[in-house]
Amino acid sequence: MYKPNPIDTKSIDLPSDLKPLVELIAKNVHDVWAKQRIKEGWVYGEKKDSEKKTTSCLVPYEELSEEEKDYDRHTALETIKVVLKLGYKVEKK
């Protein structure tokens, strides 16, 4: 049985200058996901239906529910934190 074992990032505090990056990455995560779904033939629909390939999440990031945005934000936040945990620096040029 598969047991996910992500890198533990609990000890990483995100520097305040990187907090705006979370939202930018979250939006991009959604756009990458949406682009792939559209490529696979998915379209907007009121409900998710895997057989009909419809989902209500095929909308711009700004139109997602806060719950859906939080899913993407969590992915973005954990990505930044694991980069920092592994010893890399994130700097804006």
PDB file of N, CA and C in Angstrom:
ATOM      1  N   MET A   1       0.840  -1.179   0.000  1.00  0.00           N
ATOM      2  CA  MET A   1       0.000   0.000   0.000  1.00  0.00           C
ATOM      3  C   MET A   1       0.893   1.252   0.000  1.00  0.00           C
ATOM      4  N   TYR A   2       0.544   2.198  -0.829  1.00  0.00           N
ATOM      5  CA  TYR A   2       1.297   3.452  -0.942  1.00  0.00           C
ATOM      6  C   TYR A   2       1.092   4.316   0.297  1.00  0.00           C
ATOM      7  N   LYS A   3       2.197   4.773   0.889  1.00  0.00           N
ATOM      8  CA  LYS A   3       2.147   5.679   2.030  1.00  0.00           C
ATOM      9  C   LYS A   3       2.963   6.913   1.677  1.00  0.00           C
ATOM     10  N   PRO A   4       2.286   8.026   1.361  1.00  0.00           N
ATOM     11  CA  PRO A   4       3.016   9.256   1.018  1.00  0.00           C
ATOM     12  C   PRO A   4       3.968   9.657   2.142  1.00  0.00           C
ATOM     13  N   ASN A   5       5.137  10.137   1.763  1.00  0.00           N
ATOM     14  CA  ASN A   5       6.149  10.535   2.731  1.00  0.00           C
ATOM     15  C   ASN A   5       6.805  11.838   2.270  1.00  0.00           C
ATOM     16  N   PRO A   6       6.028  12.940   2.297  1.00  0.00           N
ATOM     17  CA  PRO A   6       6.614  14.202   1.849  1.00  0.00           C
ATOM     18  C   PRO A   6       7.705  14.691   2.808  1.00  0.00           C
ATOM     19  N   ILE A   7       8.574  15.520   2.311  1.00  0.00           N
ATOM     20  CA  ILE A   7       9.620  16.123   3.137  1.00  0.00           C
ATOM     21  C   ILE A   7       8.944  16.969   4.216  1.00  0.00           C
ATOM     22  N   ASP A   8       9.385  16.800   5.453  1.00  0.00           N
ATOM     23  CA  ASP A   8       8.813  17.541   6.585  1.00  0.00           C
ATOM     24  C   ASP A   8       9.274  18.997   6.533  1.00  0.00           C
ATOM     25  N   THR A   9       8.333  19.894   6.365  1.00  0.00           N
ATOM     26  CA  THR A   9       8.658  21.325   6.276  1.00  0.00           C
ATOM     27  C   THR A   9       8.128  22.120   7.469  1.00  0.00           C
ATOM     28  N   LYS A  10       7.713  21.421   8.521  1.00  0.00           N
ATOM     29  CA  LYS A  10       7.137  22.112   9.688  1.00  0.00           C
ATOM     30  C   LYS A  10       8.102  23.112  10.312  1.00  0.00           C
ATOM     31  N   SER A  11       9.388  22.858  10.212  1.00  0.00           N
ATOM     32  CA  SER A  11      10.377  23.742  10.837  1.00  0.00           C
ATOM     33  C   SER A  11      10.673  24.987   9.989  1.00  0.00           C
ATOM     34  N   ILE A  12      10.118  25.064   8.799  1.00  0.00           N
ATOM     35  CA  ILE A  12      10.392  26.183   7.899  1.00  0.00           C
ATOM     36  C   ILE A  12       9.340  27.273   8.058  1.00  0.00           C
ATOM     37  N   ASP A  13       9.793  28.449   8.445  1.00  0.00           N
ATOM     38  CA  ASP A  13       8.924  29.618   8.491  1.00  0.00           C
ATOM     39  C   ASP A  13       9.146  30.397   7.199  1.00  0.00           C
ATOM     40  N   LEU A  14       8.077  30.642   6.489  1.00  0.00           N
ATOM     41  CA  LEU A  14       8.191  31.359   5.232  1.00  0.00           C
ATOM     42  C   LEU A  14       8.522  32.819   5.506  1.00  0.00           C
ATOM     43  N   PRO A  15       9.629  33.319   4.957  1.00  0.00           N
ATOM     44  CA  PRO A  15       9.956  34.734   5.130  1.00  0.00           C
ATOM     45  C   PRO A  15       8.836  35.615   4.564  1.00  0.00           C
ATOM     46  N   SER A  16       8.577  36.724   5.213  1.00  0.00           N
ATOM     47  CA  SER A  16       7.461  37.587   4.803  1.00  0.00           C
ATOM     48  C   SER A  16       7.586  38.081   3.369  1.00  0.00           C
ATOM     49  N   ASP A  17       8.824  38.256   2.876  1.00  0.00           N
ATOM     50  CA  ASP A  17       8.983  38.736   1.507  1.00  0.00           C
ATOM     51  C   ASP A  17       8.607  37.679   0.469  1.00  0.00           C
ATOM     52  N   LEU A  18       8.453  36.429   0.892  1.00  0.00           N
ATOM     53  CA  LEU A  18       8.061  35.371  -0.038  1.00  0.00           C
ATOM     54  C   LEU A  18       6.557  35.078  -0.005  1.00  0.00           C
ATOM     55  N   LYS A  19       5.846  35.646   0.948  1.00  0.00           N
ATOM     56  CA  LYS A  19       4.409  35.360   1.064  1.00  0.00           C
ATOM     57  C   LYS A  19       3.610  35.739  -0.180  1.00  0.00           C
ATOM     58  N   PRO A  20       3.900  36.875  -0.844  1.00  0.00           N
ATOM     59  CA  PRO A  20       3.158  37.173  -2.086  1.00  0.00           C
ATOM     60  C   PRO A  20       3.403  36.137  -3.183  1.00  0.00           C
ATOM     61  N   LEU A  21       4.543  35.468  -3.129  1.00  0.00           N
ATOM     62  CA  LEU A  21       4.882  34.456  -4.118  1.00  0.00           C
ATOM     63  C   LEU A  21       3.928  33.256  -4.049  1.00  0.00           C
ATOM     64  N   VAL A  22       3.414  32.983  -2.866  1.00  0.00           N
ATOM     65  CA  VAL A  22       2.497  31.854  -2.698  1.00  0.00           C
ATOM     66  C   VAL A  22       1.290  32.027  -3.613  1.00  0.00           C
ATOM     67  N   GLU A  23       0.688  33.187  -3.611  1.00  0.00           N
ATOM     68  CA  GLU A  23      -0.509  33.426  -4.434  1.00  0.00           C
ATOM     69  C   GLU A  23      -0.177  33.366  -5.921  1.00  0.00           C
ATOM     70  N   LEU A  24       0.966  33.893  -6.308  1.00  0.00           N
ATOM     71  CA  LEU A  24       1.368  33.851  -7.720  1.00  0.00           C
ATOM     72  C   LEU A  24       1.583  32.404  -8.188  1.00  0.00           C
ATOM     73  N   ILE A  25       2.232  31.616  -7.351  1.00  0.00           N
ATOM     74  CA  ILE A  25       2.460  30.214  -7.712  1.00  0.00           C
ATOM     75  C   ILE A  25       1.142  29.448  -7.693  1.00  0.00           C
ATOM     76  N   ALA A  26       0.280  29.733  -6.734  1.00  0.00           N
ATOM     77  CA  ALA A  26      -1.022  29.054  -6.663  1.00  0.00           C
ATOM     78  C   ALA A  26      -1.823  29.286  -7.941  1.00  0.00           C
ATOM     79  N   LYS A  27      -1.832  30.511  -8.423  1.00  0.00           N
ATOM     80  CA  LYS A  27      -2.535  30.825  -9.671  1.00  0.00           C
ATOM     81  C   LYS A  27      -1.921  30.042 -10.822  1.00  0.00           C
ATOM     82  N   ASN A  28      -0.610  29.976 -10.862  1.00  0.00           N
ATOM     83  CA  ASN A  28       0.063  29.240 -11.929  1.00  0.00           C
ATOM     84  C   ASN A  28      -0.218  27.734 -11.839  1.00  0.00           C
ATOM     85  N   VAL A  29      -0.238  27.198 -10.626  1.00  0.00           N
ATOM     86  CA  VAL A  29      -0.568  25.788 -10.426  1.00  0.00           C
ATOM     87  C   VAL A  29      -1.949  25.497 -11.028  1.00  0.00           C
ATOM     88  N   HIS A  30      -2.895  26.378 -10.743  1.00  0.00           N
ATOM     89  CA  HIS A  30      -4.245  26.197 -11.290  1.00  0.00           C
ATOM     90  C   HIS A  30      -4.232  26.269 -12.814  1.00  0.00           C
ATOM     91  N   ASP A  31      -3.521  27.242 -13.358  1.00  0.00           N
ATOM     92  CA  ASP A  31      -3.465  27.396 -14.816  1.00  0.00           C
ATOM     93  C   ASP A  31      -2.820  26.188 -15.490  1.00  0.00           C
ATOM     94  N   VAL A  32      -1.764  25.646 -14.895  1.00  0.00           N
ATOM     95  CA  VAL A  32      -1.114  24.456 -15.446  1.00  0.00           C
ATOM     96  C   VAL A  32      -2.092  23.280 -15.407  1.00  0.00           C
ATOM     97  N   TRP A  33      -2.766  23.106 -14.281  1.00  0.00           N
ATOM     98  CA  TRP A  33      -3.762  22.047 -14.144  1.00  0.00           C
ATOM     99  C   TRP A  33      -4.863  22.206 -15.184  1.00  0.00           C
ATOM    100  N   ALA A  34      -5.407  23.418 -15.310  1.00  0.00           N
ATOM    101  CA  ALA A  34      -6.511  23.670 -16.243  1.00  0.00           C
ATOM    102  C   ALA A  34      -6.079  23.434 -17.691  1.00  0.00           C
ATOM    103  N   LYS A  35      -4.897  23.879 -18.040  1.00  0.00           N
ATOM    104  CA  LYS A  35      -4.395  23.677 -19.402  1.00  0.00           C
ATOM    105  C   LYS A  35      -4.309  22.192 -19.726  1.00  0.00           C
ATOM    106  N   GLN A  36      -3.832  21.399 -18.777  1.00  0.00           N
ATOM    107  CA  GLN A  36      -3.733  19.954 -18.984  1.00  0.00           C
ATOM    108  C   GLN A  36      -5.112  19.320 -19.120  1.00  0.00           C
ATOM    109  N   ARG A  37      -6.054  19.734 -18.286  1.00  0.00           N
ATOM    110  CA  ARG A  37      -7.410  19.176 -18.369  1.00  0.00           C
ATOM    111  C   ARG A  37      -8.039  19.495 -19.722  1.00  0.00           C
ATOM    112  N   ILE A  38      -7.895  20.727 -20.174  1.00  0.00           N
ATOM    113  CA  ILE A  38      -8.455  21.111 -21.473  1.00  0.00           C
ATOM    114  C   ILE A  38      -7.813  20.284 -22.581  1.00  0.00           C
ATOM    115  N   LYS A  39      -6.515  20.079 -22.497  1.00  0.00           N
ATOM    116  CA  LYS A  39      -5.804  19.260 -23.480  1.00  0.00           C
ATOM    117  C   LYS A  39      -6.357  17.832 -23.492  1.00  0.00           C
ATOM    118  N   GLU A  40      -6.776  17.352 -22.326  1.00  0.00           N
ATOM    119  CA  GLU A  40      -7.332  16.001 -22.197  1.00  0.00           C
ATOM    120  C   GLU A  40      -8.806  15.924 -22.587  1.00  0.00           C
ATOM    121  N   GLY A  41      -9.397  17.072 -22.976  1.00  0.00           N
ATOM    122  CA  GLY A  41     -10.784  17.076 -23.425  1.00  0.00           C
ATOM    123  C   GLY A  41     -11.809  17.477 -22.380  1.00  0.00           C
ATOM    124  N   TRP A  42     -11.351  17.905 -21.217  1.00  0.00           N
ATOM    125  CA  TRP A  42     -12.279  18.339 -20.180  1.00  0.00           C
ATOM    126  C   TRP A  42     -12.861  19.701 -20.533  1.00  0.00           C
ATOM    127  N   VAL A  43     -14.096  19.945 -20.085  1.00  0.00           N
ATOM    128  CA  VAL A  43     -14.774  21.223 -20.297  1.00  0.00           C
ATOM    129  C   VAL A  43     -15.445  21.650 -19.004  1.00  0.00           C
ATOM    130  N   TYR A  44     -15.846  22.913 -18.970  1.00  0.00           N
ATOM    131  CA  TYR A  44     -16.559  23.416 -17.802  1.00  0.00           C
ATOM    132  C   TYR A  44     -17.918  22.735 -17.700  1.00  0.00           C
ATOM    133  N   GLY A  45     -18.291  22.399 -16.479  1.00  0.00           N
ATOM    134  CA  GLY A  45     -19.622  21.857 -16.188  1.00  0.00           C
ATOM    135  C   GLY A  45     -19.956  22.158 -14.740  1.00  0.00           C
ATOM    136  N   GLU A  46     -21.227  22.162 -14.424  1.00  0.00           N
ATOM    137  CA  GLU A  46     -21.677  22.485 -13.066  1.00  0.00           C
ATOM    138  C   GLU A  46     -21.099  21.530 -12.019  1.00  0.00           C
ATOM    139  N   LYS A  47     -20.944  20.272 -12.407  1.00  0.00           N
ATOM    140  CA  LYS A  47     -20.442  19.258 -11.481  1.00  0.00           C
ATOM    141  C   LYS A  47     -19.298  18.495 -12.128  1.00  0.00           C
ATOM    142  N   LYS A  48     -18.431  17.941 -11.287  1.00  0.00           N
ATOM    143  CA  LYS A  48     -17.375  17.080 -11.817  1.00  0.00           C
ATOM    144  C   LYS A  48     -17.999  15.756 -12.237  1.00  0.00           C
ATOM    145  N   ASP A  49     -17.715  15.382 -13.470  1.00  0.00           N
ATOM    146  CA  ASP A  49     -18.194  14.118 -14.015  1.00  0.00           C
ATOM    147  C   ASP A  49     -17.061  13.547 -14.850  1.00  0.00           C
ATOM    148  N   SER A  50     -16.400  12.528 -14.319  1.00  0.00           N
ATOM    149  CA  SER A  50     -15.234  11.957 -14.996  1.00  0.00           C
ATOM    150  C   SER A  50     -15.580  11.325 -16.335  1.00  0.00           C
ATOM    151  N   GLU A  51     -16.779  10.765 -16.452  1.00  0.00           N
ATOM    152  CA  GLU A  51     -17.178  10.156 -17.724  1.00  0.00           C
ATOM    153  C   GLU A  51     -17.416  11.217 -18.798  1.00  0.00           C
ATOM    154  N   LYS A  52     -18.082  12.305 -18.420  1.00  0.00           N
ATOM    155  CA  LYS A  52     -18.365  13.377 -19.378  1.00  0.00           C
ATOM    156  C   LYS A  52     -17.212  14.373 -19.494  1.00  0.00           C
ATOM    157  N   LYS A  53     -16.228  14.213 -18.604  1.00  0.00           N
ATOM    158  CA  LYS A  53     -15.082  15.120 -18.527  1.00  0.00           C
ATOM    159  C   LYS A  53     -15.534  16.571 -18.333  1.00  0.00           C
ATOM    160  N   THR A  54     -16.336  16.775 -17.291  1.00  0.00           N
ATOM    161  CA  THR A  54     -16.754  18.125 -16.926  1.00  0.00           C
ATOM    162  C   THR A  54     -16.313  18.417 -15.496  1.00  0.00           C
ATOM    163  N   THR A  55     -15.983  19.673 -15.251  1.00  0.00           N
ATOM    164  CA  THR A  55     -15.610  20.113 -13.906  1.00  0.00           C
ATOM    165  C   THR A  55     -15.932  21.597 -13.765  1.00  0.00           C
ATOM    166  N   SER A  56     -16.359  21.957 -12.579  1.00  0.00           N
ATOM    167  CA  SER A  56     -16.675  23.362 -12.307  1.00  0.00           C
ATOM    168  C   SER A  56     -15.424  24.183 -12.027  1.00  0.00           C
ATOM    169  N   CYS A  57     -14.271  23.536 -11.996  1.00  0.00           N
ATOM    170  CA  CYS A  57     -13.015  24.238 -11.687  1.00  0.00           C
ATOM    171  C   CYS A  57     -12.319  24.793 -12.928  1.00  0.00           C
ATOM    172  N   LEU A  58     -12.884  24.580 -14.102  1.00  0.00           N
ATOM    173  CA  LEU A  58     -12.279  25.137 -15.315  1.00  0.00           C
ATOM    174  C   LEU A  58     -12.734  26.579 -15.490  1.00  0.00           C
ATOM    175  N   VAL A  59     -12.275  27.395 -14.575  1.00  0.00           N
ATOM    176  CA  VAL A  59     -12.545  28.836 -14.566  1.00  0.00           C
ATOM    177  C   VAL A  59     -11.245  29.527 -14.180  1.00  0.00           C
ATOM    178  N   PRO A  60     -11.138  30.832 -14.442  1.00  0.00           N
ATOM    179  CA  PRO A  60      -9.941  31.538 -13.980  1.00  0.00           C
ATOM    180  C   PRO A  60      -9.766  31.385 -12.466  1.00  0.00           C
ATOM    181  N   TYR A  61      -8.527  31.392 -12.029  1.00  0.00           N
ATOM    182  CA  TYR A  61      -8.197  31.235 -10.608  1.00  0.00           C
ATOM    183  C   TYR A  61      -9.024  32.163  -9.728  1.00  0.00           C
ATOM    184  N   GLU A  62      -9.190  33.401 -10.166  1.00  0.00           N
ATOM    185  CA  GLU A  62      -9.909  34.396  -9.375  1.00  0.00           C
ATOM    186  C   GLU A  62     -11.371  34.011  -9.137  1.00  0.00           C
ATOM    187  N   GLU A  63     -11.912  33.141  -9.963  1.00  0.00           N
ATOM    188  CA  GLU A  63     -13.316  32.724  -9.838  1.00  0.00           C
ATOM    189  C   GLU A  63     -13.490  31.431  -9.050  1.00  0.00           C
ATOM    190  N   LEU A  64     -12.404  30.823  -8.633  1.00  0.00           N
ATOM    191  CA  LEU A  64     -12.495  29.606  -7.826  1.00  0.00           C
ATOM    192  C   LEU A  64     -13.041  29.917  -6.443  1.00  0.00           C
ATOM    193  N   SER A  65     -13.617  28.926  -5.811  1.00  0.00           N
ATOM    194  CA  SER A  65     -14.027  29.078  -4.418  1.00  0.00           C
ATOM    195  C   SER A  65     -12.763  29.208  -3.564  1.00  0.00           C
ATOM    196  N   GLU A  66     -12.897  29.761  -2.381  1.00  0.00           N
ATOM    197  CA  GLU A  66     -11.747  29.874  -1.483  1.00  0.00           C
ATOM    198  C   GLU A  66     -11.199  28.499  -1.141  1.00  0.00           C
ATOM    199  N   GLU A  67     -12.064  27.503  -1.046  1.00  0.00           N
ATOM    200  CA  GLU A  67     -11.627  26.138  -0.751  1.00  0.00           C
ATOM    201  C   GLU A  67     -10.705  25.616  -1.861  1.00  0.00           C
ATOM    202  N   GLU A  68     -11.080  25.850  -3.097  1.00  0.00           N
ATOM    203  CA  GLU A  68     -10.239  25.418  -4.226  1.00  0.00           C
ATOM    204  C   GLU A  68      -8.938  26.217  -4.274  1.00  0.00           C
ATOM    205  N   LYS A  69      -9.017  27.520  -4.027  1.00  0.00           N
ATOM    206  CA  LYS A  69      -7.804  28.345  -3.993  1.00  0.00           C
ATOM    207  C   LYS A  69      -6.859  27.861  -2.900  1.00  0.00           C
ATOM    208  N   ASP A  70      -7.429  27.503  -1.738  1.00  0.00           N
ATOM    209  CA  ASP A  70      -6.600  27.031  -0.625  1.00  0.00           C
ATOM    210  C   ASP A  70      -5.844  25.759  -0.982  1.00  0.00           C
ATOM    211  N   TYR A  71      -6.448  24.897  -1.780  1.00  0.00           N
ATOM    212  CA  TYR A  71      -5.765  23.679  -2.228  1.00  0.00           C
ATOM    213  C   TYR A  71      -4.521  24.056  -3.030  1.00  0.00           C
ATOM    214  N   ASP A  72      -4.672  24.997  -3.965  1.00  0.00           N
ATOM    215  CA  ASP A  72      -3.534  25.450  -4.770  1.00  0.00           C
ATOM    216  C   ASP A  72      -2.524  26.221  -3.929  1.00  0.00           C
ATOM    217  N   ARG A  73      -3.013  27.014  -2.976  1.00  0.00           N
ATOM    218  CA  ARG A  73      -2.106  27.756  -2.091  1.00  0.00           C
ATOM    219  C   ARG A  73      -1.258  26.802  -1.257  1.00  0.00           C
ATOM    220  N   HIS A  74      -1.883  25.739  -0.774  1.00  0.00           N
ATOM    221  CA  HIS A  74      -1.148  24.758   0.031  1.00  0.00           C
ATOM    222  C   HIS A  74      -0.032  24.126  -0.799  1.00  0.00           C
ATOM    223  N   THR A  75      -0.345  23.763  -2.037  1.00  0.00           N
ATOM    224  CA  THR A  75       0.670  23.198  -2.932  1.00  0.00           C
ATOM    225  C   THR A  75       1.802  24.191  -3.138  1.00  0.00           C
ATOM    226  N   ALA A  76       1.460  25.447  -3.389  1.00  0.00           N
ATOM    227  CA  ALA A  76       2.464  26.489  -3.612  1.00  0.00           C
ATOM    228  C   ALA A  76       3.323  26.689  -2.365  1.00  0.00           C
ATOM    229  N   LEU A  77       2.680  26.809  -1.219  1.00  0.00           N
ATOM    230  CA  LEU A  77       3.398  27.033   0.034  1.00  0.00           C
ATOM    231  C   LEU A  77       4.361  25.890   0.333  1.00  0.00           C
ATOM    232  N   GLU A  78       3.889  24.663   0.195  1.00  0.00           N
ATOM    233  CA  GLU A  78       4.747  23.513   0.481  1.00  0.00           C
ATOM    234  C   GLU A  78       5.892  23.411  -0.523  1.00  0.00           C
ATOM    235  N   THR A  79       5.660  23.812  -1.749  1.00  0.00           N
ATOM    236  CA  THR A  79       6.733  23.804  -2.743  1.00  0.00           C
ATOM    237  C   THR A  79       7.831  24.782  -2.356  1.00  0.00           C
ATOM    238  N   ILE A  80       7.452  25.989  -1.977  1.00  0.00           N
ATOM    239  CA  ILE A  80       8.448  26.982  -1.566  1.00  0.00           C
ATOM    240  C   ILE A  80       9.187  26.503  -0.320  1.00  0.00           C
ATOM    241  N   LYS A  81       8.443  25.971   0.644  1.00  0.00           N
ATOM    242  CA  LYS A  81       9.058  25.521   1.883  1.00  0.00           C
ATOM    243  C   LYS A  81      10.041  24.377   1.667  1.00  0.00           C
ATOM    244  N   VAL A  82       9.724  23.456   0.756  1.00  0.00           N
ATOM    245  CA  VAL A  82      10.651  22.348   0.515  1.00  0.00           C
ATOM    246  C   VAL A  82      11.908  22.849  -0.195  1.00  0.00           C
ATOM    247  N   VAL A  83      11.765  23.844  -1.051  1.00  0.00           N
ATOM    248  CA  VAL A  83      12.938  24.445  -1.700  1.00  0.00           C
ATOM    249  C   VAL A  83      13.861  25.031  -0.629  1.00  0.00           C
ATOM    250  N   LEU A  84      13.288  25.752   0.325  1.00  0.00           N
ATOM    251  CA  LEU A  84      14.074  26.343   1.408  1.00  0.00           C
ATOM    252  C   LEU A  84      14.677  25.262   2.311  1.00  0.00           C
ATOM    253  N   LYS A  85      13.899  24.243   2.613  1.00  0.00           N
ATOM    254  CA  LYS A  85      14.361  23.146   3.479  1.00  0.00           C
ATOM    255  C   LYS A  85      15.571  22.435   2.863  1.00  0.00           C
ATOM    256  N   LEU A  86      15.576  22.342   1.538  1.00  0.00           N
ATOM    257  CA  LEU A  86      16.678  21.674   0.848  1.00  0.00           C
ATOM    258  C   LEU A  86      17.904  22.561   0.680  1.00  0.00           C
ATOM    259  N   GLY A  87      17.837  23.772   1.236  1.00  0.00           N
ATOM    260  CA  GLY A  87      18.996  24.635   1.247  1.00  0.00           C
ATOM    261  C   GLY A  87      19.087  25.641   0.115  1.00  0.00           C
ATOM    262  N   TYR A  88      18.078  25.720  -0.711  1.00  0.00           N
ATOM    263  CA  TYR A  88      18.087  26.686  -1.805  1.00  0.00           C
ATOM    264  C   TYR A  88      17.601  28.040  -1.318  1.00  0.00           C
ATOM    265  N   LYS A  89      17.954  29.069  -2.034  1.00  0.00           N
ATOM    266  CA  LYS A  89      17.500  30.419  -1.725  1.00  0.00           C
ATOM    267  C   LYS A  89      16.540  30.859  -2.818  1.00  0.00           C
ATOM    268  N   VAL A  90      15.512  31.587  -2.420  1.00  0.00           N
ATOM    269  CA  VAL A  90      14.575  32.155  -3.386  1.00  0.00           C
ATOM    270  C   VAL A  90      14.739  33.661  -3.302  1.00  0.00           C
ATOM    271  N   GLU A  91      15.181  34.238  -4.418  1.00  0.00           N
ATOM    272  CA  GLU A  91      15.419  35.687  -4.468  1.00  0.00           C
ATOM    273  C   GLU A  91      14.763  36.282  -5.695  1.00  0.00           C
ATOM    274  N   LYS A  92      14.234  37.473  -5.530  1.00  0.00           N
ATOM    275  CA  LYS A  92      13.660  38.193  -6.665  1.00  0.00           C
ATOM    276  C   LYS A  92      14.762  39.047  -7.279  1.00  0.00           C
ATOM    277  N   LYS A  93      14.871  38.972  -8.582  1.00  0.00           N
ATOM    278  CA  LYS A  93      15.885  39.756  -9.294  1.00  0.00           C
ATOM    279  C   LYS A  93      15.337  41.096  -9.701  1.00  0.00           C
TER     280      LYS A  93
END
